Amino acid sequence: MVLLVLLLVVVLPVLDAFLAPCSALAGRSMPSSSSTHSRPAANLRMTTNIPTTSHTPLLDGEIEVFCNREINMQQIRAIGFDMDYTLAQYNLAFELLAYDGAKQKLVDTLGYPSAVADFEYDSTYFRRGLVIDKERGNVIKMDRHKYVRQAYHGFSPLAPAVRKELYMASSEHIPLYTESTFVNIDTLFLLVDAYLFAQLVEYKDRQPSQIKHSYATMYAHIRQCVDLCHRDGVIKDRVAENPGDYIIPDPGMVTMLEQYKESGRKTFLVTNSLWEYTDVVRKKKGRRCVESRGPHFHVL
């Protein structure tokens, strides 16, 4: 039996950063020195110049699926799906649970200045495909050849000369971009980390006496607090109480799963969430899924 795990994002951020041209959008004013959470100057987004077509789009014109590799499905007997941000798409309210919970833990548990609790979140500022430089407090954008085309320190763009000195490969200096120093923003969960990290970098640079931690330590603290929010119920308990407030409805998901099953293929769900939370999300996404282990998945 051939198993294929398809991480099919039901609401695709169309050809997100890794497949997009390396150009950034600009036009926002720089944050003032009196504010650590103003809307920043340039948005480190990737742009996609996908031409519009006249054919009938999928799902009422709101969702289309783009692929860059064809798969012969005749030999595929089982298809697996991730749950969070794949079958289950979350809205801004879900991101704010992690963001607000993490910044409060930074203040209450780790002794960060009380002003951190007043930070505000902009979910549109970063995109997947960017890279966090934990040691330098930067967020960078590389092309497929690992050439850094843009770099921001906090919300401030680095001058080309500085950027090239830090990240340009030479005979004496070859950046390795190892996980010990760099973090790939490869999931939507990490957008909260990136934005909060940039805010703390800005705050530390302006008021170094109030935050004496290194940039790398600040990122470790952010990751610690966000992870704790996922474990201690700050996020998942709230979602379980009222999943409709956080999960985006997808009327086509159950139909898709039924079509796979009718074709004779097995389907399974892969997630690191506990069963209690998985069951809540599963029932919200497919109201006809009422049995304890199905009917739309053979294995959970």
Foldseek 3Di string as FASTA:
>chain_A
DDEAEDAAQFADPPCFDQRADQDWAFDADDDDLVDLADDHTTARGGDHPDDDDDDDAPDRPRGHDDDDDDDDCPPHFEYEYEPDSRLWDWDPVLLVLLLLQLQVCCCPPVPADPVSNVHDDDLRRYTFQWKAQQQQQKIFHAHPVRDTPWIARLRHTDDPVVSCVVAPDDPVDHDDQDPVGMDGRHDSNCSSLSNSLSSVRSVCVSPVVRPVDGSNVVSVSSVVRSVVCVVVCSRQVVCLVPVVVITDADVCPLVVLVVCVVVNHAYAYDYPDDLVSVVSSVCVHPVVQDDSADDSHPYD
